[in-house]
C-alpha atoms as a PDB file:
ATOM      1  CA  MET A   1     -17.206  23.414-113.842  1.00  0.00           C
ATOM      2  CA  ASN A   2     -16.978  24.307-110.111  1.00  0.00           C
ATOM      3  CA  ASN A   3     -19.287  24.143-107.510  1.00  0.00           C
ATOM      4  CA  ASN A   4     -20.693  28.106-108.117  1.00  0.00           C
ATOM      5  CA  ASP A   5     -20.727  27.821-111.858  1.00  0.00           C
ATOM      6  CA  HIS A   6     -22.903  24.367-111.614  1.00  0.00           C
ATOM      7  CA  SER A   7     -25.412  25.464-108.827  1.00  0.00           C
ATOM      8  CA  GLU A   8     -25.672  28.612-110.674  1.00  0.00           C
ATOM      9  CA  ASN A   9     -26.689  26.159-113.839  1.00  0.00           C
ATOM     10  CA  LEU A  10     -28.982  24.323-111.831  1.00  0.00           C
ATOM     11  CA  LEU A  11     -30.982  27.648-110.553  1.00  0.00           C
ATOM     12  CA  LYS A  12     -30.799  29.052-113.959  1.00  0.00           C
ATOM     13  CA  GLU A  13     -32.397  25.993-115.829  1.00  0.00           C
ATOM     14  CA  GLY A  14     -35.344  26.291-112.955  1.00  0.00           C
ATOM     15  CA  GLY A  15     -36.303  29.303-114.287  1.00  0.00           C
ATOM     16  CA  LEU A  16     -35.156  31.569-111.321  1.00  0.00           C
ATOM     17  CA  SER A  17     -34.848  34.756-112.242  1.00  0.00           C
ATOM     18  CA  SER A  18     -34.068  36.864-108.885  1.00  0.00           C
ATOM     19  CA  LYS A  19     -30.753  37.067-107.833  1.00  0.00           C
ATOM     20  CA  ARG A  20     -31.839  37.190-103.971  1.00  0.00           C
ATOM     21  CA  GLU A  21     -33.370  33.023-104.529  1.00  0.00           C
ATOM     22  CA  MET A  22     -30.474  32.196-106.411  1.00  0.00           C
ATOM     23  CA  ASP A  23     -28.294  33.190-103.088  1.00  0.00           C
ATOM     24  CA  VAL A  24     -31.136  31.145-100.844  1.00  0.00           C
ATOM     25  CA  LYS A  25     -30.892  28.434-103.384  1.00  0.00           C
ATOM     26  CA  HIS A  26     -27.049  28.366-103.334  1.00  0.00           C
ATOM     27  CA  ALA A  27     -26.852  28.728 -99.897  1.00  0.00           C
ATOM     28  CA  LEU A  28     -28.936  25.582 -98.861  1.00  0.00           C
ATOM     29  CA  LEU A  29     -26.600  23.568-101.670  1.00  0.00           C
ATOM     30  CA  MET A  30     -23.316  24.535 -99.940  1.00  0.00           C
ATOM     31  CA  ARG A  31     -25.064  23.629 -96.573  1.00  0.00           C
ATOM     32  CA  HIS A  32     -26.251  20.230 -97.957  1.00  0.00           C
ATOM     33  CA  GLU A  33     -22.717  19.503 -99.028  1.00  0.00           C
ATOM     34  CA  SER A  34     -21.322  20.770 -96.141  1.00  0.00           C
ATOM     35  CA  LEU A  35     -23.748  18.295 -94.054  1.00  0.00           C
ATOM     36  CA  GLY A  36     -23.546  15.229 -96.417  1.00  0.00           C
ATOM     37  CA  LYS A  37     -19.517  15.988 -95.698  1.00  0.00           C
ATOM     38  CA  GLU A  38     -19.945  15.720 -92.017  1.00  0.00           C
ATOM     39  CA  LEU A  39     -22.336  12.674 -91.890  1.00  0.00           C
ATOM     40  CA  GLN A  40     -19.390  10.980 -93.943  1.00  0.00           C
ATOM     41  CA  GLU A  41     -17.212  11.904 -91.424  1.00  0.00           C
ATOM     42  CA  PHE A  42     -19.445  10.660 -88.554  1.00  0.00           C
ATOM     43  CA  ASP A  43     -20.086   7.413 -90.306  1.00  0.00           C
ATOM     44  CA  SER A  44     -16.497   6.898 -90.638  1.00  0.00           C
ATOM     45  CA  VAL A  45     -15.714   7.506 -86.928  1.00  0.00           C
ATOM     46  CA  ILE A  46     -18.643   5.227 -85.675  1.00  0.00           C
ATOM     47  CA  SER A  47     -17.183   2.372 -87.852  1.00  0.00           C
ATOM     48  CA  ARG A  48     -14.105   2.918 -86.291  1.00  0.00           C
ATOM     49  CA  LEU A  49     -15.257   3.115 -82.779  1.00  0.00           C
ATOM     50  CA  GLN A  50     -17.106  -0.116 -83.503  1.00  0.00           C
ATOM     51  CA  GLU A  51     -14.147  -1.820 -84.734  1.00  0.00           C
ATOM     52  CA  GLU A  52     -12.607  -1.154 -81.358  1.00  0.00           C
ATOM     53  CA  TYR A  53     -15.350  -1.924 -79.022  1.00  0.00           C
ATOM     54  CA  THR A  54     -16.015  -5.282 -81.353  1.00  0.00           C
ATOM     55  CA  SER A  55     -12.450  -6.290 -81.059  1.00  0.00           C
ATOM     56  CA  LYS A  56     -12.733  -5.217 -77.118  1.00  0.00           C
ATOM     57  CA  LEU A  57     -16.015  -6.930 -76.461  1.00  0.00           C
ATOM     58  CA  GLU A  58     -14.473 -10.066 -77.815  1.00  0.00           C
ATOM     59  CA  GLU A  59     -11.465  -9.691 -76.197  1.00  0.00           C
ATOM     60  CA  LEU A  60     -13.530  -9.467 -72.745  1.00  0.00           C
ATOM     61  CA  LYS A  61     -15.787 -12.098 -73.718  1.00  0.00           C
ATOM     62  CA  THR A  62     -12.727 -14.112 -73.729  1.00  0.00           C
ATOM     63  CA  LYS A  63     -11.394 -13.450 -70.868  1.00  0.00           C
ATOM     64  CA  LYS A  64     -15.549 -13.898 -68.690  1.00  0.00           C
ATOM     65  CA  LYS A  65     -15.708 -16.998 -70.224  1.00  0.00           C
ATOM     66  CA  PRO A  66     -12.963 -18.659 -67.553  1.00  0.00           C
ATOM     67  CA  LEU A  67     -13.721 -16.761 -64.588  1.00  0.00           C
ATOM     68  CA  GLU A  68     -17.625 -18.459 -65.441  1.00  0.00           C
ATOM     69  CA  GLU A  69     -16.274 -21.991 -65.586  1.00  0.00           C
ATOM     70  CA  ALA A  70     -14.229 -21.661 -62.259  1.00  0.00           C
ATOM     71  CA  LEU A  71     -17.346 -20.314 -60.700  1.00  0.00           C
ATOM     72  CA  HIS A  72     -19.366 -23.179 -61.835  1.00  0.00           C
ATOM     73  CA  HIS A  73     -16.436 -25.285 -60.292  1.00  0.00           C
ATOM     74  CA  VAL A  74     -16.509 -23.617 -57.315  1.00  0.00           C
ATOM     75  CA  GLU A  75     -20.403 -23.299 -56.814  1.00  0.00           C
ATOM     76  CA  ALA A  76     -20.100 -27.116 -57.804  1.00  0.00           C
ATOM     77  CA  LEU A  77     -17.814 -27.652 -54.523  1.00  0.00           C
ATOM     78  CA  LEU A  78     -19.957 -25.882 -52.233  1.00  0.00           C
ATOM     79  CA  HIS A  79     -22.716 -27.805 -53.041  1.00  0.00           C
ATOM     80  CA  PHE A  80     -20.729 -31.019 -52.584  1.00  0.00           C
ATOM     81  CA  GLU A  81     -19.704 -29.719 -48.930  1.00  0.00           C
ATOM     82  CA  GLY A  82     -23.206 -28.977 -48.433  1.00  0.00           C
ATOM     83  CA  CYS A  83     -23.156 -25.430 -48.641  1.00  0.00           C
ATOM     84  CA  TYR A  84     -26.287 -23.774 -50.669  1.00  0.00           C
ATOM     85  CA  LEU A  85     -26.331 -21.044 -53.171  1.00  0.00           C
ATOM     86  CA  ASP A  86     -29.321 -19.010 -53.337  1.00  0.00           C
ATOM     87  CA  SER A  87     -29.664 -16.589 -56.562  1.00  0.00           C
ATOM     88  CA  ASN A  88     -32.394 -14.170 -56.851  1.00  0.00           C
ATOM     89  CA  THR A  89     -31.926 -14.081 -60.612  1.00  0.00           C
ATOM     90  CA  ALA A  90     -31.466 -16.893 -63.250  1.00  0.00           C
ATOM     91  CA  GLY A  91     -28.556 -17.138 -64.834  1.00  0.00           C
ATOM     92  CA  THR A  92     -26.757 -14.002 -62.965  1.00  0.00           C
ATOM     93  CA  MET A  93     -25.747 -14.763 -59.291  1.00  0.00           C
ATOM     94  CA  THR A  94     -26.371 -10.855 -58.474  1.00  0.00           C
ATOM     95  CA  SER A  95     -26.931 -11.693 -54.574  1.00  0.00           C
ATOM     96  CA  THR A  96     -25.862 -14.476 -53.206  1.00  0.00           C
ATOM     97  CA  THR A  97     -26.729 -16.350 -49.460  1.00  0.00           C
ATOM     98  CA  VAL A  98     -24.130 -19.128 -48.721  1.00  0.00           C
ATOM     99  CA  SER A  99     -25.581 -21.390 -45.421  1.00  0.00           C
ATOM    100  CA  LEU A 100     -22.534 -23.232 -44.275  1.00  0.00           C
ATOM    101  CA  ASP A 101     -24.464 -25.916 -42.268  1.00  0.00           C
ATOM    102  CA  THR A 102     -22.278 -28.337 -43.610  1.00  0.00           C
ATOM    103  CA  LYS A 103     -21.898 -31.358 -41.004  1.00  0.00           C
ATOM    104  CA  SER A 104     -25.196 -30.453 -38.957  1.00  0.00           C
ATOM    105  CA  SER A 105     -27.429 -29.505 -41.067  1.00  0.00           C
ATOM    106  CA  ALA A 106     -27.823 -33.518 -42.762  1.00  0.00           C
ATOM    107  CA  THR A 107     -28.039 -34.703 -39.199  1.00  0.00           C
ATOM    108  CA  ASP A 108     -30.192 -31.317 -38.198  1.00  0.00           C
ATOM    109  CA  ALA A 109     -32.609 -31.964 -41.213  1.00  0.00           C
ATOM    110  CA  ALA A 110     -33.323 -35.569 -40.033  1.00  0.00           C
ATOM    111  CA  PHE A 111     -33.844 -34.653 -36.679  1.00  0.00           C
ATOM    112  CA  GLN A 112     -36.537 -32.516 -37.516  1.00  0.00           C
ATOM    113  CA  LEU A 113     -38.062 -35.144 -39.873  1.00  0.00           C
ATOM    114  CA  LEU A 114     -37.991 -37.461 -37.317  1.00  0.00           C
ATOM    115  CA  THR A 115     -39.814 -35.187 -35.258  1.00  0.00           C
ATOM    116  CA  GLU A 116     -42.435 -34.283 -37.609  1.00  0.00           C
ATOM    117  CA  ILE A 117     -43.285 -38.031 -38.135  1.00  0.00           C
ATOM    118  CA  HIS A 118     -42.938 -39.470 -34.584  1.00  0.00           C
ATOM    119  CA  GLN A 119     -41.902 -42.686 -35.923  1.00  0.00           C
ATOM    120  CA  PRO A 120     -37.938 -44.442 -36.357  1.00  0.00           C
ATOM    121  CA  LEU A 121     -37.451 -44.539 -40.144  1.00  0.00           C
ATOM    122  CA  HIS A 122     -34.826 -46.241 -41.471  1.00  0.00           C
ATOM    123  CA  TYR A 123     -31.568 -44.203 -42.488  1.00  0.00           C
ATOM    124  CA  LYS A 124     -32.047 -44.870 -46.141  1.00  0.00           C
ATOM    125  CA  GLU A 125     -35.420 -43.718 -45.799  1.00  0.00           C
ATOM    126  CA  ILE A 126     -34.337 -40.802 -44.040  1.00  0.00           C
ATOM    127  CA  ALA A 127     -32.004 -39.548 -46.682  1.00  0.00           C
ATOM    128  CA  LEU A 128     -34.165 -40.142 -49.130  1.00  0.00           C
ATOM    129  CA  LYS A 129     -36.960 -38.277 -47.900  1.00  0.00           C
ATOM    130  CA  LEU A 130     -34.345 -34.938 -47.092  1.00  0.00           C
ATOM    131  CA  GLN A 131     -33.366 -35.174 -50.526  1.00  0.00           C
ATOM    132  CA  GLU A 132     -36.866 -34.747 -51.644  1.00  0.00           C
ATOM    133  CA  ARG A 133     -37.102 -31.761 -49.642  1.00  0.00           C
ATOM    134  CA  ASN A 134     -33.551 -30.553 -51.753  1.00  0.00           C
ATOM    135  CA  LEU A 135     -31.014 -30.936 -49.026  1.00  0.00           C
ATOM    136  CA  TYR A 136     -27.869 -32.162 -50.452  1.00  0.00           C
ATOM    137  CA  ILE A 137     -26.181 -34.816 -48.579  1.00  0.00           C
ATOM    138  CA  PRO A 138     -22.442 -34.584 -49.536  1.00  0.00           C
ATOM    139  CA  GLY A 139     -21.219 -38.127 -50.539  1.00  0.00           C
ATOM    140  CA  LYS A 140     -20.464 -40.705 -52.867  1.00  0.00           C
ATOM    141  CA  ASP A 141     -23.806 -42.297 -50.831  1.00  0.00           C
ATOM    142  CA  PRO A 142     -25.553 -39.839 -49.261  1.00  0.00           C
ATOM    143  CA  ALA A 143     -27.377 -42.452 -47.067  1.00  0.00           C
ATOM    144  CA  ALA A 144     -23.863 -43.979 -45.815  1.00  0.00           C
ATOM    145  CA  THR A 145     -22.489 -40.186 -45.195  1.00  0.00           C
ATOM    146  CA  LEU A 146     -25.941 -39.640 -43.104  1.00  0.00           C
ATOM    147  CA  LEU A 147     -25.649 -43.094 -41.270  1.00  0.00           C
ATOM    148  CA  SER A 148     -22.141 -42.111 -40.181  1.00  0.00           C
ATOM    149  CA  ARG A 149     -23.174 -38.769 -38.888  1.00  0.00           C
ATOM    150  CA  ILE A 150     -26.544 -40.067 -36.954  1.00  0.00           C
ATOM    151  CA  ASN A 151     -24.282 -42.773 -35.144  1.00  0.00           C
ATOM    152  CA  ARG A 152     -22.340 -39.908 -34.097  1.00  0.00           C
ATOM    153  CA  ASP A 153     -24.808 -37.871 -32.946  1.00  0.00           C
ATOM    154  CA  SER A 154     -26.511 -37.781 -29.785  1.00  0.00           C
ATOM    155  CA  ARG A 155     -30.040 -36.646 -30.366  1.00  0.00           C
ATOM    156  CA  PHE A 156     -30.358 -40.357 -32.118  1.00  0.00           C
ATOM    157  CA  LYS A 157     -30.554 -44.244 -31.218  1.00  0.00           C
ATOM    158  CA  ARG A 158     -30.745 -47.273 -33.467  1.00  0.00           C
ATOM    159  CA  ALA A 159     -34.372 -48.948 -32.785  1.00  0.00           C
ATOM    160  CA  LYS A 160     -35.352 -52.057 -32.610  1.00  0.00           C
ATOM    161  CA  LYS A 161     -34.641 -53.143 -36.321  1.00  0.00           C
ATOM    162  CA  ARG A 162     -31.193 -52.855 -38.164  1.00  0.00           C
ATOM    163  CA  GLY A 163     -30.787 -49.639 -39.830  1.00  0.00           C
ATOM    164  CA  THR A 164     -33.821 -47.589 -38.183  1.00  0.00           C
ATOM    165  CA  TYR A 165     -32.753 -44.588 -35.769  1.00  0.00           C
ATOM    166  CA  ALA A 166     -35.701 -43.034 -33.962  1.00  0.00           C
ATOM    167  CA  LEU A 167     -34.877 -39.853 -31.444  1.00  0.00           C
ATOM    168  CA  SER A 168     -33.121 -40.322 -28.057  1.00  0.00           C
ATOM    169  CA  PRO A 169     -35.840 -38.894 -26.172  1.00  0.00           C
ATOM    170  CA  TRP A 170     -38.586 -41.632 -27.613  1.00  0.00           C
ATOM    171  CA  ARG A 171     -38.930 -44.552 -24.871  1.00  0.00           C
ATOM    172  CA  LEU A 172     -37.746 -47.425 -27.154  1.00  0.00           C
ATOM    173  CA  ARG A 173     -35.937 -50.728 -26.157  1.00  0.00           C
ATOM    174  CA  ASP A 174     -32.164 -50.217 -26.497  1.00  0.00           C
ATOM    175  CA  THR A 175     -30.272 -52.756 -28.394  1.00  0.00           C
ATOM    176  CA  LYS A 176     -27.137 -51.564 -27.026  1.00  0.00           C
ATOM    177  CA  LYS A 177     -27.965 -53.350 -23.772  1.00  0.00           C
ATOM    178  CA  LYS A 178     -29.238 -56.257 -25.457  1.00  0.00           C
ATOM    179  CA  ARG A 179     -26.257 -56.798 -28.083  1.00  0.00           C
ATOM    180  CA  ARG A 180     -23.659 -55.957 -24.570  1.00  0.00           C
ATOM    181  CA  LYS A 181     -25.496 -58.687 -22.254  1.00  0.00           C
ATOM    182  CA  ILE A 182     -25.302 -61.361 -25.286  1.00  0.00           C
ATOM    183  CA  GLN A 183     -21.434 -60.596 -26.009  1.00  0.00           C
ATOM    184  CA  LYS A 184     -21.131 -61.023 -22.288  1.00  0.00           C
ATOM    185  CA  VAL A 185     -22.781 -64.175 -22.270  1.00  0.00           C
ATOM    186  CA  ARG A 186     -21.114 -65.759 -25.124  1.00  0.00           C
ATOM    187  CA  LYS A 187     -17.651 -64.674 -23.790  1.00  0.00           C
ATOM    188  CA  ARG A 188     -18.370 -66.931 -20.739  1.00  0.00           C
END
């Protein structure tokens, strides 16, 4: 039995008498069948494309992972060198600004800190206060790194106590001159 016979039987069973009603029902059944086939074709195309894009997506994800790891390592190295990244969104780096004040940033911050508090501080206290302000001082021992940089900067001078530093413009007793005098006396 073909589709036409089947649709005619269905129409006769429903008690339809007019030929026109039968033609409309037959046309609707044919349209239903063609739409069903078209829908199946779309479903098969969609599932095939999903499989293709899923495999491509997985491939891209595997390529992305080493790039993310490399980026993380570069950021860590930049942070170690005293460079800071400012990202506007959490998790992704959409807009980054790098400040490259590497060696001078720690001494500049120490200078600003001593200017603000107006008193000499031990170099370890200076390093601790800078770290509290989220300033990264690179090196194995940040306080020792800061001490090394402060010693080379003419804006700072050693205060009376050992390891304590002040700003050069401040009027403090110069311990270096006193040491030199003691060394000259000892040599005689």
